[in-house]
Amino acid sequence: MQACAAGQRVDFRCGHNALALIVQTELKLDPHSGVTVVFRSKRGDRLKILVWDGTGLVLTYKVLEQGSFAWPKVQDGVMRLSRAQFEALFEGLDWRRVIAQRVLPPTAAG
């Protein structure tokens, strides 16, 4: 899973097609590649998540009942998140405290 967080806030009236256009033109990503793109609202308590599932665009909307999402520090308009970081962000946790362990594959079967 490849997850990206869009750097700028978006108009939350935007639907599938408008967000896909933002992904393509502003973020320079292919919205039909399977990448998961996360957008935030102005207040930071809402997310829209856009992903192509192989048959169509899926748009998920989440509102936190309390607080706001810890938003990534973005460079060049996009922040790449690991699966664990994305899941922490979606749960409303501080995803910056999640550090992915990098494990090298074994060189020989053992």
N, C-alpha and C. Protein backbone atom coordinates (compact mmCIF):
# COMPACT_ATOMS: atom_id res chain seq x y z
N MET A 1 0.84 -1.18 0.00
CA MET A 1 0.00 0.00 0.00
C MET A 1 0.88 1.23 0.00
N GLN A 2 0.60 2.13 -0.90
CA GLN A 2 1.30 3.40 -0.95
C GLN A 2 0.31 4.48 -0.56
N ALA A 3 0.58 5.17 0.55
CA ALA A 3 -0.31 6.24 1.01
C ALA A 3 0.43 7.57 0.94
N CYS A 4 -0.30 8.59 0.50
CA CYS A 4 0.25 9.93 0.43
C CYS A 4 -0.73 10.90 1.06
N ALA A 5 -0.19 11.87 1.74
CA ALA A 5 -1.02 12.93 2.32
C ALA A 5 -0.80 14.19 1.49
N ALA A 6 -1.88 14.77 1.03
CA ALA A 6 -1.81 16.00 0.25
C ALA A 6 -1.45 17.15 1.18
N GLY A 7 -0.57 18.01 0.73
CA GLY A 7 -0.07 19.07 1.58
C GLY A 7 -1.04 20.19 1.85
N GLN A 8 -1.81 20.56 0.86
CA GLN A 8 -2.71 21.69 1.04
C GLN A 8 -4.10 21.21 1.38
N ARG A 9 -4.80 22.04 2.12
CA ARG A 9 -6.21 21.75 2.42
C ARG A 9 -7.00 21.82 1.13
N VAL A 10 -8.06 21.04 1.07
CA VAL A 10 -8.91 21.06 -0.13
C VAL A 10 -10.32 21.47 0.26
N ASP A 11 -11.06 21.94 -0.73
CA ASP A 11 -12.47 22.26 -0.56
C ASP A 11 -13.21 20.94 -0.38
N PHE A 12 -13.83 20.74 0.75
CA PHE A 12 -14.47 19.47 1.05
C PHE A 12 -15.79 19.26 0.31
N ARG A 13 -16.15 20.20 -0.54
CA ARG A 13 -17.29 19.97 -1.43
C ARG A 13 -16.86 19.15 -2.64
N CYS A 14 -15.55 19.01 -2.85
CA CYS A 14 -15.03 18.24 -3.99
C CYS A 14 -15.39 16.77 -3.86
N GLY A 15 -15.74 16.19 -4.99
CA GLY A 15 -16.06 14.77 -5.04
C GLY A 15 -14.94 13.98 -5.70
N HIS A 16 -15.25 12.76 -6.12
CA HIS A 16 -14.28 11.85 -6.72
C HIS A 16 -13.47 12.49 -7.84
N ASN A 17 -14.19 13.01 -8.84
CA ASN A 17 -13.52 13.51 -10.03
C ASN A 17 -12.65 14.72 -9.75
N ALA A 18 -13.13 15.64 -8.95
CA ALA A 18 -12.35 16.85 -8.62
C ALA A 18 -11.09 16.47 -7.84
N LEU A 19 -11.22 15.55 -6.89
CA LEU A 19 -10.04 15.13 -6.12
C LEU A 19 -9.06 14.36 -7.00
N ALA A 20 -9.56 13.53 -7.91
CA ALA A 20 -8.68 12.82 -8.84
C ALA A 20 -7.91 13.80 -9.71
N LEU A 21 -8.57 14.88 -10.12
CA LEU A 21 -7.91 15.91 -10.92
C LEU A 21 -6.81 16.60 -10.11
N ILE A 22 -7.07 16.87 -8.83
CA ILE A 22 -6.05 17.46 -7.95
C ILE A 22 -4.86 16.51 -7.82
N VAL A 23 -5.13 15.23 -7.64
CA VAL A 23 -4.06 14.23 -7.52
C VAL A 23 -3.20 14.25 -8.78
N GLN A 24 -3.84 14.31 -9.93
CA GLN A 24 -3.12 14.25 -11.20
C GLN A 24 -2.37 15.54 -11.51
N THR A 25 -3.03 16.68 -11.37
CA THR A 25 -2.43 17.94 -11.82
C THR A 25 -1.54 18.60 -10.78
N GLU A 26 -1.95 18.58 -9.52
CA GLU A 26 -1.18 19.28 -8.49
C GLU A 26 -0.17 18.38 -7.79
N LEU A 27 -0.54 17.13 -7.53
CA LEU A 27 0.36 16.22 -6.81
C LEU A 27 1.23 15.41 -7.76
N LYS A 28 0.90 15.45 -9.06
CA LYS A 28 1.66 14.74 -10.10
C LYS A 28 1.71 13.23 -9.85
N LEU A 29 0.57 12.69 -9.39
CA LEU A 29 0.42 11.25 -9.17
C LEU A 29 -0.70 10.73 -10.06
N ASP A 30 -0.67 9.45 -10.33
CA ASP A 30 -1.73 8.84 -11.12
C ASP A 30 -2.83 8.37 -10.18
N PRO A 31 -4.02 8.99 -10.23
CA PRO A 31 -5.08 8.61 -9.30
C PRO A 31 -5.62 7.21 -9.55
N HIS A 32 -5.25 6.60 -10.69
CA HIS A 32 -5.73 5.26 -11.03
C HIS A 32 -4.64 4.21 -10.84
N SER A 33 -3.60 4.53 -10.07
CA SER A 33 -2.48 3.61 -9.87
C SER A 33 -2.65 2.74 -8.62
N GLY A 34 -3.65 3.03 -7.81
CA GLY A 34 -3.82 2.31 -6.56
C GLY A 34 -3.27 3.06 -5.36
N VAL A 35 -2.64 4.21 -5.59
CA VAL A 35 -2.13 5.03 -4.49
C VAL A 35 -3.31 5.53 -3.65
N THR A 36 -3.14 5.54 -2.34
CA THR A 36 -4.14 6.08 -1.43
C THR A 36 -3.74 7.51 -1.11
N VAL A 37 -4.63 8.45 -1.38
CA VAL A 37 -4.33 9.87 -1.14
C VAL A 37 -5.27 10.40 -0.08
N VAL A 38 -4.68 11.04 0.94
CA VAL A 38 -5.44 11.57 2.07
C VAL A 38 -5.46 13.09 1.97
N PHE A 39 -6.65 13.66 2.07
CA PHE A 39 -6.84 15.11 2.05
C PHE A 39 -7.41 15.53 3.40
N ARG A 40 -7.07 16.72 3.84
CA ARG A 40 -7.60 17.22 5.12
C ARG A 40 -8.45 18.45 4.92
N SER A 41 -9.34 18.66 5.88
CA SER A 41 -10.18 19.85 5.86
C SER A 41 -9.45 21.03 6.49
N LYS A 42 -10.03 22.19 6.35
CA LYS A 42 -9.44 23.41 6.92
C LYS A 42 -9.29 23.29 8.44
N ARG A 43 -10.32 22.76 9.12
CA ARG A 43 -10.28 22.63 10.59
C ARG A 43 -9.39 21.49 11.06
N GLY A 44 -9.08 20.56 10.16
CA GLY A 44 -8.19 19.46 10.53
C GLY A 44 -8.88 18.31 11.25
N ASP A 45 -10.21 18.35 11.34
CA ASP A 45 -10.92 17.27 12.03
C ASP A 45 -11.59 16.31 11.05
N ARG A 46 -11.37 16.52 9.75
CA ARG A 46 -11.99 15.68 8.72
C ARG A 46 -10.95 15.25 7.70
N LEU A 47 -11.13 14.05 7.20
CA LEU A 47 -10.27 13.51 6.15
C LEU A 47 -11.15 13.02 5.00
N LYS A 48 -10.63 13.14 3.80
CA LYS A 48 -11.18 12.46 2.64
C LYS A 48 -10.05 11.62 2.08
N ILE A 49 -10.36 10.37 1.79
CA ILE A 49 -9.36 9.44 1.31
C ILE A 49 -9.81 8.92 -0.04
N LEU A 50 -8.96 9.06 -1.04
CA LEU A 50 -9.29 8.65 -2.40
C LEU A 50 -8.35 7.53 -2.82
N VAL A 51 -8.92 6.45 -3.34
CA VAL A 51 -8.11 5.33 -3.84
C VAL A 51 -8.83 4.65 -4.99
N TRP A 52 -8.07 4.18 -5.96
CA TRP A 52 -8.59 3.39 -7.07
C TRP A 52 -8.47 1.93 -6.66
N ASP A 53 -9.57 1.18 -6.69
CA ASP A 53 -9.53 -0.21 -6.25
C ASP A 53 -9.46 -1.22 -7.40
N GLY A 54 -9.24 -0.72 -8.60
CA GLY A 54 -9.16 -1.60 -9.76
C GLY A 54 -10.43 -1.59 -10.57
N THR A 55 -11.54 -1.17 -9.97
CA THR A 55 -12.80 -1.11 -10.70
C THR A 55 -13.42 0.28 -10.68
N GLY A 56 -12.95 1.13 -9.78
CA GLY A 56 -13.48 2.49 -9.67
C GLY A 56 -12.82 3.26 -8.54
N LEU A 57 -13.09 4.55 -8.50
CA LEU A 57 -12.56 5.39 -7.43
C LEU A 57 -13.41 5.22 -6.17
N VAL A 58 -12.75 5.05 -5.04
CA VAL A 58 -13.42 4.93 -3.75
C VAL A 58 -13.09 6.17 -2.95
N LEU A 59 -14.10 6.82 -2.40
CA LEU A 59 -13.92 8.01 -1.59
C LEU A 59 -14.44 7.74 -0.19
N THR A 60 -13.56 7.84 0.79
CA THR A 60 -13.92 7.63 2.19
C THR A 60 -13.83 8.97 2.91
N TYR A 61 -14.78 9.21 3.79
CA TYR A 61 -14.85 10.48 4.53
C TYR A 61 -14.89 10.15 6.02
N LYS A 62 -14.03 10.80 6.79
CA LYS A 62 -14.02 10.55 8.24
C LYS A 62 -14.01 11.87 8.98
N VAL A 63 -14.82 11.94 10.05
CA VAL A 63 -14.88 13.11 10.92
C VAL A 63 -14.55 12.65 12.33
N LEU A 64 -13.57 13.30 12.96
CA LEU A 64 -13.27 13.01 14.36
C LEU A 64 -14.29 13.72 15.24
N GLU A 65 -14.79 13.03 16.22
CA GLU A 65 -15.76 13.64 17.14
C GLU A 65 -15.09 14.64 18.08
N GLN A 66 -13.82 14.40 18.41
CA GLN A 66 -13.07 15.32 19.27
C GLN A 66 -11.66 15.47 18.73
N GLY A 67 -11.12 16.66 18.85
CA GLY A 67 -9.74 16.90 18.45
C GLY A 67 -9.58 17.02 16.95
N SER A 68 -8.32 16.92 16.52
CA SER A 68 -8.02 17.01 15.10
C SER A 68 -6.92 16.01 14.76
N PHE A 69 -6.76 15.75 13.47
CA PHE A 69 -5.76 14.82 13.01
C PHE A 69 -4.38 15.45 13.09
N ALA A 70 -3.39 14.64 13.51
CA ALA A 70 -2.00 15.09 13.46
C ALA A 70 -1.61 15.07 11.99
N TRP A 71 -1.30 16.23 11.42
CA TRP A 71 -1.07 16.30 9.99
C TRP A 71 0.42 16.30 9.69
N PRO A 72 0.83 15.58 8.67
CA PRO A 72 2.25 15.49 8.32
C PRO A 72 2.83 16.83 7.91
N LYS A 73 4.12 17.00 8.15
CA LYS A 73 4.85 18.13 7.60
C LYS A 73 5.12 17.76 6.15
N VAL A 74 4.64 18.55 5.24
CA VAL A 74 4.66 18.18 3.83
C VAL A 74 5.77 18.92 3.09
N GLN A 75 6.44 18.19 2.22
CA GLN A 75 7.43 18.78 1.34
C GLN A 75 7.02 18.47 -0.08
N ASP A 76 7.11 19.45 -0.97
CA ASP A 76 6.73 19.28 -2.37
C ASP A 76 5.29 18.83 -2.54
N GLY A 77 4.40 19.23 -1.64
CA GLY A 77 2.99 18.96 -1.81
C GLY A 77 2.50 17.59 -1.41
N VAL A 78 3.42 16.63 -1.15
CA VAL A 78 3.03 15.27 -0.83
C VAL A 78 3.89 14.73 0.30
N MET A 79 3.27 14.00 1.21
CA MET A 79 4.00 13.29 2.26
C MET A 79 3.68 11.82 2.12
N ARG A 80 4.68 10.98 2.00
CA ARG A 80 4.45 9.54 1.88
C ARG A 80 4.38 8.93 3.28
N LEU A 81 3.38 8.09 3.48
CA LEU A 81 3.16 7.45 4.77
C LEU A 81 3.27 5.94 4.61
N SER A 82 3.84 5.28 5.62
CA SER A 82 3.84 3.82 5.63
C SER A 82 2.42 3.37 5.97
N ARG A 83 2.15 2.09 5.81
CA ARG A 83 0.83 1.57 6.14
C ARG A 83 0.51 1.81 7.62
N ALA A 84 1.50 1.59 8.49
CA ALA A 84 1.28 1.80 9.93
C ALA A 84 1.00 3.27 10.24
N GLN A 85 1.73 4.17 9.60
CA GLN A 85 1.51 5.60 9.81
C GLN A 85 0.12 6.00 9.31
N PHE A 86 -0.29 5.49 8.15
CA PHE A 86 -1.62 5.78 7.62
C PHE A 86 -2.70 5.29 8.58
N GLU A 87 -2.54 4.07 9.09
CA GLU A 87 -3.55 3.53 10.00
C GLU A 87 -3.62 4.34 11.29
N ALA A 88 -2.46 4.80 11.80
CA ALA A 88 -2.46 5.64 13.00
C ALA A 88 -3.15 6.97 12.71
N LEU A 89 -2.84 7.59 11.57
CA LEU A 89 -3.48 8.85 11.18
C LEU A 89 -4.99 8.67 11.10
N PHE A 90 -5.44 7.60 10.45
CA PHE A 90 -6.87 7.34 10.29
C PHE A 90 -7.55 7.14 11.63
N GLU A 91 -6.87 6.55 12.59
CA GLU A 91 -7.43 6.34 13.93
C GLU A 91 -7.41 7.60 14.79
N GLY A 92 -6.82 8.67 14.28
CA GLY A 92 -6.76 9.91 15.05
C GLY A 92 -5.58 9.96 16.00
N LEU A 93 -4.64 9.03 15.83
CA LEU A 93 -3.44 8.99 16.68
C LEU A 93 -2.35 9.86 16.08
N ASP A 94 -1.32 10.14 16.85
CA ASP A 94 -0.20 10.90 16.34
C ASP A 94 0.69 9.95 15.54
N TRP A 95 0.51 9.91 14.25
CA TRP A 95 1.21 8.98 13.36
C TRP A 95 2.72 9.19 13.39
N ARG A 96 3.17 10.38 13.81
CA ARG A 96 4.61 10.68 13.81
C ARG A 96 5.37 9.85 14.84
N ARG A 97 4.64 9.25 15.78
CA ARG A 97 5.27 8.40 16.79
C ARG A 97 5.43 6.96 16.32
N VAL A 98 4.89 6.65 15.13
CA VAL A 98 4.98 5.31 14.57
C VAL A 98 6.20 5.26 13.67
N ILE A 99 7.13 4.38 14.01
CA ILE A 99 8.35 4.24 13.23
C ILE A 99 8.38 2.83 12.64
N ALA A 100 8.43 2.76 11.33
CA ALA A 100 8.44 1.46 10.66
C ALA A 100 9.81 0.80 10.83
N GLN A 101 9.79 -0.46 11.20
CA GLN A 101 11.01 -1.24 11.29
C GLN A 101 11.38 -1.72 9.89
N ARG A 102 12.59 -1.48 9.47
CA ARG A 102 13.05 -1.94 8.16
C ARG A 102 13.80 -3.25 8.37
N VAL A 103 13.28 -4.29 7.78
CA VAL A 103 13.88 -5.61 7.92
C VAL A 103 14.42 -6.04 6.56
N LEU A 104 15.68 -6.43 6.53
CA LEU A 104 16.27 -6.91 5.30
C LEU A 104 15.86 -8.35 5.07
N PRO A 105 15.56 -8.72 3.82
CA PRO A 105 15.21 -10.11 3.57
C PRO A 105 16.44 -10.99 3.74
N PRO A 106 16.23 -12.25 4.14
CA PRO A 106 17.36 -13.14 4.32
C PRO A 106 18.07 -13.39 2.99
N THR A 107 19.35 -13.62 3.04
CA THR A 107 20.11 -13.86 1.82
C THR A 107 19.99 -15.29 1.34
N ALA A 108 19.66 -16.21 2.25
CA ALA A 108 19.48 -17.62 1.88
C ALA A 108 18.40 -18.22 2.73
N ALA A 109 17.72 -19.22 2.20
CA ALA A 109 16.70 -19.92 2.98
C ALA A 109 17.39 -20.68 4.11
N GLY A 110 16.76 -20.68 5.25
CA GLY A 110 17.44 -21.30 6.37
C GLY A 110 16.66 -22.24 7.10
